Amino acid sequence: MTSIGIEKLTDKELFVLHERCECAAKKNQAPLDTAPAERQRRGDHGDQASRSA
């Protein structure tokens, strides 16, 4: 875990950090948003028990 000491950042630095975090969150959310449709398209309904039996 990396400590960045945000309490010492200026308002401008906090704004930039917020923008970067927001951008990363949106980028990482996209695959999660499409996963249910992709599973349905593949016919995978998350039924782990039937696959391992």
N, C-alpha and C. Protein backbone atom coordinates (compact mmCIF):
# COMPACT_ATOMS: atom_id res chain seq x y z
N MET A 1 0.85 -1.18 0.00
CA MET A 1 0.00 0.00 0.00
C MET A 1 0.90 1.24 0.00
N THR A 2 0.57 2.18 -0.84
CA THR A 2 1.35 3.39 -0.96
C THR A 2 0.66 4.55 -0.27
N SER A 3 1.39 5.27 0.54
CA SER A 3 0.86 6.45 1.20
C SER A 3 1.21 7.67 0.37
N ILE A 4 0.21 8.51 0.09
CA ILE A 4 0.49 9.69 -0.74
C ILE A 4 0.39 11.00 0.04
N GLY A 5 -0.01 10.95 1.32
CA GLY A 5 -0.05 12.15 2.14
C GLY A 5 -0.94 13.24 1.59
N ILE A 6 -2.21 12.91 1.32
CA ILE A 6 -3.10 13.88 0.68
C ILE A 6 -3.34 15.12 1.54
N GLU A 7 -3.11 15.01 2.83
CA GLU A 7 -3.34 16.17 3.69
C GLU A 7 -2.37 17.31 3.37
N LYS A 8 -1.30 17.00 2.67
CA LYS A 8 -0.32 18.02 2.33
C LYS A 8 -0.48 18.55 0.90
N LEU A 9 -1.45 18.01 0.15
CA LEU A 9 -1.64 18.44 -1.23
C LEU A 9 -2.39 19.77 -1.29
N THR A 10 -2.11 20.53 -2.33
CA THR A 10 -2.84 21.78 -2.55
C THR A 10 -4.21 21.45 -3.13
N ASP A 11 -5.09 22.43 -3.17
CA ASP A 11 -6.41 22.23 -3.76
C ASP A 11 -6.29 21.78 -5.21
N LYS A 12 -5.37 22.38 -5.95
CA LYS A 12 -5.19 22.01 -7.36
C LYS A 12 -4.71 20.56 -7.47
N GLU A 13 -3.77 20.16 -6.62
CA GLU A 13 -3.27 18.79 -6.64
C GLU A 13 -4.38 17.80 -6.26
N LEU A 14 -5.22 18.18 -5.30
CA LEU A 14 -6.34 17.32 -4.92
C LEU A 14 -7.32 17.17 -6.08
N PHE A 15 -7.57 18.26 -6.78
CA PHE A 15 -8.47 18.22 -7.93
C PHE A 15 -7.93 17.28 -9.00
N VAL A 16 -6.64 17.38 -9.29
CA VAL A 16 -6.02 16.51 -10.29
C VAL A 16 -6.09 15.05 -9.84
N LEU A 17 -5.81 14.79 -8.59
CA LEU A 17 -5.88 13.43 -8.06
C LEU A 17 -7.30 12.89 -8.17
N HIS A 18 -8.27 13.72 -7.83
CA HIS A 18 -9.67 13.32 -7.93
C HIS A 18 -10.03 12.97 -9.37
N GLU A 19 -9.61 13.79 -10.31
CA GLU A 19 -9.89 13.53 -11.72
C GLU A 19 -9.26 12.22 -12.18
N ARG A 20 -8.03 11.97 -11.75
CA ARG A 20 -7.36 10.72 -12.12
C ARG A 20 -8.07 9.51 -11.54
N CYS A 21 -8.48 9.61 -10.29
CA CYS A 21 -9.20 8.51 -9.65
C CYS A 21 -10.55 8.27 -10.32
N GLU A 22 -11.25 9.35 -10.64
CA GLU A 22 -12.54 9.23 -11.30
C GLU A 22 -12.39 8.59 -12.68
N CYS A 23 -11.38 8.99 -13.41
CA CYS A 23 -11.12 8.43 -14.74
C CYS A 23 -10.81 6.93 -14.63
N ALA A 24 -9.98 6.56 -13.68
CA ALA A 24 -9.62 5.15 -13.49
C ALA A 24 -10.85 4.33 -13.08
N ALA A 25 -11.70 4.90 -12.24
CA ALA A 25 -12.90 4.19 -11.81
C ALA A 25 -13.83 3.95 -12.99
N LYS A 26 -14.01 4.95 -13.84
CA LYS A 26 -14.88 4.79 -15.02
C LYS A 26 -14.30 3.76 -15.98
N LYS A 27 -12.99 3.80 -16.18
CA LYS A 27 -12.33 2.86 -17.08
C LYS A 27 -12.50 1.42 -16.57
N ASN A 28 -12.36 1.23 -15.27
CA ASN A 28 -12.46 -0.10 -14.70
C ASN A 28 -13.90 -0.56 -14.54
N GLN A 29 -14.85 0.35 -14.54
CA GLN A 29 -16.26 -0.01 -14.41
C GLN A 29 -16.81 -0.55 -15.72
N ALA A 30 -16.30 -0.10 -16.85
CA ALA A 30 -16.83 -0.49 -18.15
C ALA A 30 -16.89 -2.01 -18.34
N PRO A 31 -15.81 -2.77 -18.06
CA PRO A 31 -15.91 -4.23 -18.22
C PRO A 31 -16.94 -4.85 -17.27
N LEU A 32 -17.10 -4.28 -16.09
CA LEU A 32 -18.08 -4.80 -15.14
C LEU A 32 -19.50 -4.57 -15.64
N ASP A 33 -19.71 -3.44 -16.30
CA ASP A 33 -21.04 -3.14 -16.83
C ASP A 33 -21.43 -4.08 -17.97
N THR A 34 -20.47 -4.52 -18.74
CA THR A 34 -20.76 -5.39 -19.89
C THR A 34 -20.73 -6.87 -19.54
N ALA A 35 -20.23 -7.23 -18.37
CA ALA A 35 -20.08 -8.64 -18.01
C ALA A 35 -21.39 -9.43 -18.02
N PRO A 36 -22.49 -8.93 -17.43
CA PRO A 36 -23.72 -9.72 -17.44
C PRO A 36 -24.21 -10.04 -18.85
N ALA A 37 -24.17 -9.06 -19.73
CA ALA A 37 -24.61 -9.29 -21.12
C ALA A 37 -23.68 -10.28 -21.82
N GLU A 38 -22.39 -10.17 -21.55
CA GLU A 38 -21.43 -11.08 -22.18
C GLU A 38 -21.65 -12.51 -21.67
N ARG A 39 -21.90 -12.67 -20.37
CA ARG A 39 -22.17 -14.01 -19.83
C ARG A 39 -23.43 -14.59 -20.45
N GLN A 40 -24.46 -13.76 -20.61
CA GLN A 40 -25.70 -14.23 -21.20
C GLN A 40 -25.47 -14.62 -22.66
N ARG A 41 -24.70 -13.82 -23.38
CA ARG A 41 -24.40 -14.11 -24.78
C ARG A 41 -23.70 -15.45 -24.90
N ARG A 42 -22.82 -15.75 -23.96
CA ARG A 42 -22.06 -17.01 -23.99
C ARG A 42 -22.87 -18.18 -23.43
N GLY A 43 -24.01 -17.89 -22.81
CA GLY A 43 -24.80 -18.94 -22.21
C GLY A 43 -24.31 -19.35 -20.85
N ASP A 44 -23.43 -18.55 -20.27
CA ASP A 44 -22.88 -18.81 -18.94
C ASP A 44 -23.72 -18.04 -17.93
N HIS A 45 -24.41 -18.76 -17.09
CA HIS A 45 -25.28 -18.10 -16.11
C HIS A 45 -24.68 -18.13 -14.72
N GLY A 46 -23.38 -18.38 -14.63
CA GLY A 46 -22.70 -18.36 -13.34
C GLY A 46 -23.01 -19.56 -12.47
N ASP A 47 -23.43 -20.64 -13.08
CA ASP A 47 -23.79 -21.83 -12.33
C ASP A 47 -22.55 -22.68 -12.09
N GLN A 48 -21.75 -22.31 -11.13
CA GLN A 48 -20.50 -22.97 -10.83
C GLN A 48 -20.71 -24.45 -10.46
N ALA A 49 -21.77 -24.77 -9.74
CA ALA A 49 -21.99 -26.12 -9.26
C ALA A 49 -22.14 -27.10 -10.41
N SER A 50 -22.83 -26.71 -11.48
CA SER A 50 -23.02 -27.63 -12.59
C SER A 50 -21.73 -27.87 -13.37
N ARG A 51 -20.82 -26.93 -13.33
CA ARG A 51 -19.54 -27.10 -14.05
C ARG A 51 -18.59 -28.00 -13.30
N SER A 52 -18.62 -27.95 -11.98
CA SER A 52 -17.66 -28.72 -11.20
C SER A 52 -18.14 -30.14 -10.91
N ALA A 53 -19.40 -30.43 -11.20
CA ALA A 53 -19.95 -31.76 -10.91
C ALA A 53 -19.61 -32.76 -11.98
